[in-house]
Amino acid sequence: MVPPIMIMSITNRCNLKYKGCFASTLGNSGRSTCNKRTMDSADWYRVIDQGRGLGVFTFLVAGGEPFMLPDLVDICGRNGDRVFVIFTNGTALDGDLFDNLRKTANTAVVLSVERGEELTDEKRGEGVFEKAVRSLEALNKVGVPGGISVTITRRNFRFWSDETNLDFFIYRGAKLAFFT
């Protein structure tokens, strides 16, 4: 039996460069470009079609930074009989992407955070936490389900044990949360 969920690492590229990022390790982060052959939109349409044929209903979309694939929202929208959950750092989202996401009824966007501003920015770069929170609020405003993804560590478990910190994200529009 095939699980109904498939995880797709849709690109190795990322718009950020930080310690612990596998895209950075591969040399595919920041402003650098990858010269290696990577899967394009046509390849991902085929993967999704194969998954559909096997009974996959939900696709968890990871990266690098998934929004580095230019046609990502179109891919999701054209597969309206499936559910897509995109895991992002939130910094690549802008007005056009919010408008395009609003037109999809099958897509949720989950923003990666570490804890509050201090630890998120320490790991991912100055201003990343604020941009992620603004992206979460903008997703909520246009009606796109949004949420957060957190890797629990000894540096942040107490933060997430305090319900007021989770309430901060709920108040800003988080409808779902992934804690690993």
C-alpha atoms as a PDB file:
ATOM      1  CA  MET A   1       0.000   0.000   0.000  1.00  0.00           C
ATOM      2  CA  VAL A   2       1.317   3.467  -0.936  1.00  0.00           C
ATOM      3  CA  PRO A   3       1.070   6.187   1.720  1.00  0.00           C
ATOM      4  CA  PRO A   4      -1.369   8.980   0.757  1.00  0.00           C
ATOM      5  CA  ILE A   5       1.311  11.636   1.377  1.00  0.00           C
ATOM      6  CA  MET A   6       4.445  12.324  -0.664  1.00  0.00           C
ATOM      7  CA  ILE A   7       7.277  14.649   0.356  1.00  0.00           C
ATOM      8  CA  MET A   8       8.837  16.441  -2.606  1.00  0.00           C
ATOM      9  CA  SER A   9      12.106  18.346  -2.252  1.00  0.00           C
ATOM     10  CA  ILE A  10      11.256  20.433  -5.264  1.00  0.00           C
ATOM     11  CA  THR A  11      14.530  22.368  -5.496  1.00  0.00           C
ATOM     12  CA  ASN A  12      17.960  22.411  -3.909  1.00  0.00           C
ATOM     13  CA  ARG A  13      18.209  26.179  -4.381  1.00  0.00           C
ATOM     14  CA  CYS A  14      17.589  28.669  -1.583  1.00  0.00           C
ATOM     15  CA  ASN A  15      17.526  32.452  -1.385  1.00  0.00           C
ATOM     16  CA  LEU A  16      19.128  32.420   2.081  1.00  0.00           C
ATOM     17  CA  LYS A  17      22.510  31.193   3.242  1.00  0.00           C
ATOM     18  CA  TYR A  18      22.795  29.978   6.823  1.00  0.00           C
ATOM     19  CA  LYS A  19      24.462  27.366   8.989  1.00  0.00           C
ATOM     20  CA  GLY A  20      22.708  24.022   8.817  1.00  0.00           C
ATOM     21  CA  CYS A  21      21.020  24.649   5.459  1.00  0.00           C
ATOM     22  CA  PHE A  22      21.638  21.779   3.056  1.00  0.00           C
ATOM     23  CA  ALA A  23      21.264  24.112   0.050  1.00  0.00           C
ATOM     24  CA  SER A  24      24.168  26.115   1.435  1.00  0.00           C
ATOM     25  CA  THR A  25      26.219  22.949   1.800  1.00  0.00           C
ATOM     26  CA  LEU A  26      25.544  22.159  -1.866  1.00  0.00           C
ATOM     27  CA  GLY A  27      26.518  25.689  -2.901  1.00  0.00           C
ATOM     28  CA  ASN A  28      22.988  26.513  -4.043  1.00  0.00           C
ATOM     29  CA  SER A  29      22.109  29.332  -1.665  1.00  0.00           C
ATOM     30  CA  GLY A  30      22.202  33.077  -1.442  1.00  0.00           C
ATOM     31  CA  ARG A  31      22.663  34.705  -4.820  1.00  0.00           C
ATOM     32  CA  SER A  32      24.579  31.792  -6.323  1.00  0.00           C
ATOM     33  CA  THR A  33      23.055  29.728  -9.088  1.00  0.00           C
ATOM     34  CA  CYS A  34      23.298  26.030  -9.537  1.00  0.00           C
ATOM     35  CA  ASN A  35      24.798  24.872 -12.835  1.00  0.00           C
ATOM     36  CA  LYS A  36      23.756  21.261 -12.248  1.00  0.00           C
ATOM     37  CA  ARG A  37      20.684  19.851 -14.001  1.00  0.00           C
ATOM     38  CA  THR A  38      17.690  20.073 -11.719  1.00  0.00           C
ATOM     39  CA  MET A  39      14.129  18.956 -12.208  1.00  0.00           C
ATOM     40  CA  ASP A  40      11.935  21.498 -13.976  1.00  0.00           C
ATOM     41  CA  SER A  41       8.170  22.026 -13.895  1.00  0.00           C
ATOM     42  CA  ALA A  42       7.508  19.366 -16.545  1.00  0.00           C
ATOM     43  CA  ASP A  43       9.409  16.841 -14.419  1.00  0.00           C
ATOM     44  CA  TRP A  44       7.338  17.728 -11.345  1.00  0.00           C
ATOM     45  CA  TYR A  45       4.064  17.408 -13.283  1.00  0.00           C
ATOM     46  CA  ARG A  46       5.130  13.851 -14.176  1.00  0.00           C
ATOM     47  CA  VAL A  47       6.043  13.051 -10.553  1.00  0.00           C
ATOM     48  CA  ILE A  48       2.662  14.322  -9.345  1.00  0.00           C
ATOM     49  CA  ASP A  49       0.845  12.340 -12.051  1.00  0.00           C
ATOM     50  CA  GLN A  50       2.720   9.211 -11.000  1.00  0.00           C
ATOM     51  CA  GLY A  51       1.845   9.900  -7.363  1.00  0.00           C
ATOM     52  CA  ARG A  52      -1.800  10.407  -8.286  1.00  0.00           C
ATOM     53  CA  GLY A  53      -1.748   7.046 -10.076  1.00  0.00           C
ATOM     54  CA  LEU A  54      -0.424   5.404  -6.924  1.00  0.00           C
ATOM     55  CA  GLY A  55      -3.062   7.023  -4.705  1.00  0.00           C
ATOM     56  CA  VAL A  56      -1.094   9.943  -3.274  1.00  0.00           C
ATOM     57  CA  PHE A  57      -3.477  12.720  -2.259  1.00  0.00           C
ATOM     58  CA  THR A  58      -1.284  15.192  -0.369  1.00  0.00           C
ATOM     59  CA  PHE A  59       2.089  16.560  -1.427  1.00  0.00           C
ATOM     60  CA  LEU A  60       4.382  18.175   1.144  1.00  0.00           C
ATOM     61  CA  VAL A  61       6.615  20.544  -0.821  1.00  0.00           C
ATOM     62  CA  ALA A  62      10.043  21.325   0.609  1.00  0.00           C
ATOM     63  CA  GLY A  63      13.303  22.710  -0.747  1.00  0.00           C
ATOM     64  CA  GLY A  64      15.803  24.463  -0.466  1.00  0.00           C
ATOM     65  CA  GLU A  65      13.313  27.252  -0.897  1.00  0.00           C
ATOM     66  CA  PRO A  66      10.329  25.903  -2.885  1.00  0.00           C
ATOM     67  CA  PHE A  67       9.387  29.322  -4.265  1.00  0.00           C
ATOM     68  CA  MET A  68      12.699  29.334  -6.169  1.00  0.00           C
ATOM     69  CA  LEU A  69      10.848  27.120  -8.663  1.00  0.00           C
ATOM     70  CA  PRO A  70       9.070  29.788 -10.729  1.00  0.00           C
ATOM     71  CA  ASP A  71       5.987  27.730 -11.651  1.00  0.00           C
ATOM     72  CA  LEU A  72       5.318  26.248  -8.220  1.00  0.00           C
ATOM     73  CA  VAL A  73       1.945  27.912  -7.667  1.00  0.00           C
ATOM     74  CA  ASP A  74       0.825  26.961 -11.187  1.00  0.00           C
ATOM     75  CA  ILE A  75       1.807  23.345 -10.519  1.00  0.00           C
ATOM     76  CA  CYS A  76      -0.326  23.334  -7.374  1.00  0.00           C
ATOM     77  CA  GLY A  77      -3.264  25.081  -9.022  1.00  0.00           C
ATOM     78  CA  ARG A  78      -3.297  22.788 -12.053  1.00  0.00           C
ATOM     79  CA  ASN A  79      -3.517  19.784  -9.770  1.00  0.00           C
ATOM     80  CA  GLY A  80      -6.652  20.971  -7.986  1.00  0.00           C
ATOM     81  CA  ASP A  81      -7.722  17.445  -7.061  1.00  0.00           C
ATOM     82  CA  ARG A  82      -4.694  17.154  -4.723  1.00  0.00           C
ATOM     83  CA  VAL A  83      -3.553  19.036  -1.620  1.00  0.00           C
ATOM     84  CA  PHE A  84      -0.208  20.854  -1.473  1.00  0.00           C
ATOM     85  CA  VAL A  85       1.517  22.054   1.696  1.00  0.00           C
ATOM     86  CA  ILE A  86       4.514  24.257   0.893  1.00  0.00           C
ATOM     87  CA  PHE A  87       7.260  24.629   3.530  1.00  0.00           C
ATOM     88  CA  THR A  88       9.092  27.943   3.066  1.00  0.00           C
ATOM     89  CA  ASN A  89      11.279  30.431   4.897  1.00  0.00           C
ATOM     90  CA  GLY A  90       8.732  33.067   3.822  1.00  0.00           C
ATOM     91  CA  THR A  91      11.208  35.577   2.454  1.00  0.00           C
ATOM     92  CA  ALA A  92      10.487  34.894  -1.233  1.00  0.00           C
ATOM     93  CA  LEU A  93       6.771  35.640  -0.925  1.00  0.00           C
ATOM     94  CA  ASP A  94       5.566  38.907  -2.450  1.00  0.00           C
ATOM     95  CA  GLY A  95       2.373  40.529  -3.729  1.00  0.00           C
ATOM     96  CA  ASP A  96       2.189  38.543  -6.976  1.00  0.00           C
ATOM     97  CA  LEU A  97       2.699  35.225  -5.196  1.00  0.00           C
ATOM     98  CA  PHE A  98       0.049  36.069  -2.611  1.00  0.00           C
ATOM     99  CA  ASP A  99      -2.389  36.897  -5.422  1.00  0.00           C
ATOM    100  CA  ASN A 100      -1.610  33.653  -7.246  1.00  0.00           C
ATOM    101  CA  LEU A 101      -1.842  31.568  -4.069  1.00  0.00           C
ATOM    102  CA  ARG A 102      -5.212  33.149  -3.322  1.00  0.00           C
ATOM    103  CA  LYS A 103      -6.508  31.652  -6.574  1.00  0.00           C
ATOM    104  CA  THR A 104      -5.636  28.104  -5.481  1.00  0.00           C
ATOM    105  CA  ALA A 105      -8.044  26.282  -3.204  1.00  0.00           C
ATOM    106  CA  ASN A 106      -5.734  23.352  -2.583  1.00  0.00           C
ATOM    107  CA  THR A 107      -2.586  24.949  -1.172  1.00  0.00           C
ATOM    108  CA  ALA A 108      -1.368  25.791   2.325  1.00  0.00           C
ATOM    109  CA  VAL A 109       1.893  27.593   3.113  1.00  0.00           C
ATOM    110  CA  VAL A 110       3.924  26.756   6.210  1.00  0.00           C
ATOM    111  CA  LEU A 111       6.672  29.097   7.398  1.00  0.00           C
ATOM    112  CA  SER A 112       9.812  27.823   9.124  1.00  0.00           C
ATOM    113  CA  VAL A 113      10.669  29.542  12.399  1.00  0.00           C
ATOM    114  CA  GLU A 114      12.972  28.552  15.242  1.00  0.00           C
ATOM    115  CA  ARG A 115      11.281  30.427  18.054  1.00  0.00           C
ATOM    116  CA  GLY A 116      11.000  34.188  18.380  1.00  0.00           C
ATOM    117  CA  GLU A 117      12.880  36.814  16.446  1.00  0.00           C
ATOM    118  CA  GLU A 118      16.226  36.390  18.175  1.00  0.00           C
ATOM    119  CA  LEU A 119      16.776  32.686  17.495  1.00  0.00           C
ATOM    120  CA  THR A 120      15.192  32.681  14.025  1.00  0.00           C
ATOM    121  CA  ASP A 121      17.310  35.616  12.860  1.00  0.00           C
ATOM    122  CA  GLU A 122      20.404  34.166  14.526  1.00  0.00           C
ATOM    123  CA  LYS A 123      20.016  30.989  12.464  1.00  0.00           C
ATOM    124  CA  ARG A 124      18.516  32.256   9.186  1.00  0.00           C
ATOM    125  CA  GLY A 125      19.623  35.887   8.969  1.00  0.00           C
ATOM    126  CA  GLU A 126      18.594  39.338  10.166  1.00  0.00           C
ATOM    127  CA  GLY A 127      14.994  40.217   9.384  1.00  0.00           C
ATOM    128  CA  VAL A 128      13.901  36.685   8.439  1.00  0.00           C
ATOM    129  CA  PHE A 129      11.568  36.304  11.440  1.00  0.00           C
ATOM    130  CA  GLU A 130       9.819  39.602  10.730  1.00  0.00           C
ATOM    131  CA  LYS A 131       9.398  38.710   7.050  1.00  0.00           C
ATOM    132  CA  ALA A 132       8.000  35.270   7.976  1.00  0.00           C
ATOM    133  CA  VAL A 133       5.463  36.825  10.348  1.00  0.00           C
ATOM    134  CA  ARG A 134       4.453  39.415   7.717  1.00  0.00           C
ATOM    135  CA  SER A 135       4.051  36.605   5.179  1.00  0.00           C
ATOM    136  CA  LEU A 136       1.862  34.640   7.599  1.00  0.00           C
ATOM    137  CA  GLU A 137      -0.328  37.705   8.138  1.00  0.00           C
ATOM    138  CA  ALA A 138      -0.560  38.349   4.383  1.00  0.00           C
ATOM    139  CA  LEU A 139      -1.526  34.728   3.689  1.00  0.00           C
ATOM    140  CA  ASN A 140      -4.277  35.001   6.281  1.00  0.00           C
ATOM    141  CA  LYS A 141      -5.485  38.271   4.767  1.00  0.00           C
ATOM    142  CA  VAL A 142      -5.879  36.744   1.277  1.00  0.00           C
ATOM    143  CA  GLY A 143      -7.470  33.546   2.627  1.00  0.00           C
ATOM    144  CA  VAL A 144      -4.610  31.100   2.079  1.00  0.00           C
ATOM    145  CA  PRO A 145      -4.206  28.640   4.960  1.00  0.00           C
ATOM    146  CA  GLY A 146      -0.883  29.345   6.628  1.00  0.00           C
ATOM    147  CA  GLY A 147       1.067  27.857   9.459  1.00  0.00           C
ATOM    148  CA  ILE A 148       4.451  27.348  11.062  1.00  0.00           C
ATOM    149  CA  SER A 149       7.057  24.611  11.095  1.00  0.00           C
ATOM    150  CA  VAL A 150       9.454  24.260  14.013  1.00  0.00           C
ATOM    151  CA  THR A 151      12.292  21.897  14.765  1.00  0.00           C
ATOM    152  CA  ILE A 152      12.266  21.471  18.529  1.00  0.00           C
ATOM    153  CA  THR A 153      15.704  21.726  20.117  1.00  0.00           C
ATOM    154  CA  ARG A 154      17.056  22.250  23.596  1.00  0.00           C
ATOM    155  CA  ARG A 155      17.384  25.956  22.706  1.00  0.00           C
ATOM    156  CA  ASN A 156      13.697  26.449  21.933  1.00  0.00           C
ATOM    157  CA  PHE A 157      11.604  23.783  23.702  1.00  0.00           C
ATOM    158  CA  ARG A 158      10.831  26.036  26.676  1.00  0.00           C
ATOM    159  CA  PHE A 159       9.691  28.788  24.307  1.00  0.00           C
ATOM    160  CA  TRP A 160       7.234  26.425  22.612  1.00  0.00           C
ATOM    161  CA  SER A 161       6.078  25.020  25.961  1.00  0.00           C
ATOM    162  CA  ASP A 162       4.642  28.451  26.767  1.00  0.00           C
ATOM    163  CA  GLU A 163       1.237  28.638  25.073  1.00  0.00           C
ATOM    164  CA  THR A 164       1.399  32.416  24.766  1.00  0.00           C
ATOM    165  CA  ASN A 165       4.151  31.994  22.173  1.00  0.00           C
ATOM    166  CA  LEU A 166       1.983  29.698  20.064  1.00  0.00           C
ATOM    167  CA  ASP A 167      -0.876  32.177  20.533  1.00  0.00           C
ATOM    168  CA  PHE A 168       1.357  34.847  18.944  1.00  0.00           C
ATOM    169  CA  PHE A 169       1.319  32.858  15.681  1.00  0.00           C
ATOM    170  CA  ILE A 170      -2.335  31.871  15.940  1.00  0.00           C
ATOM    171  CA  TYR A 171      -3.259  35.534  16.324  1.00  0.00           C
ATOM    172  CA  ARG A 172      -1.311  36.293  13.131  1.00  0.00           C
ATOM    173  CA  GLY A 173      -3.154  33.647  11.142  1.00  0.00           C
ATOM    174  CA  ALA A 174      -1.495  30.257  11.757  1.00  0.00           C
ATOM    175  CA  LYS A 175      -4.045  27.546  11.073  1.00  0.00           C
ATOM    176  CA  LEU A 176      -1.634  24.625  11.386  1.00  0.00           C
ATOM    177  CA  ALA A 177       1.711  23.838  12.986  1.00  0.00           C
ATOM    178  CA  PHE A 178       4.320  21.159  12.454  1.00  0.00           C
ATOM    179  CA  PHE A 179       6.667  20.375  15.332  1.00  0.00           C
ATOM    180  CA  THR A 180       9.505  17.932  14.656  1.00  0.00           C
END
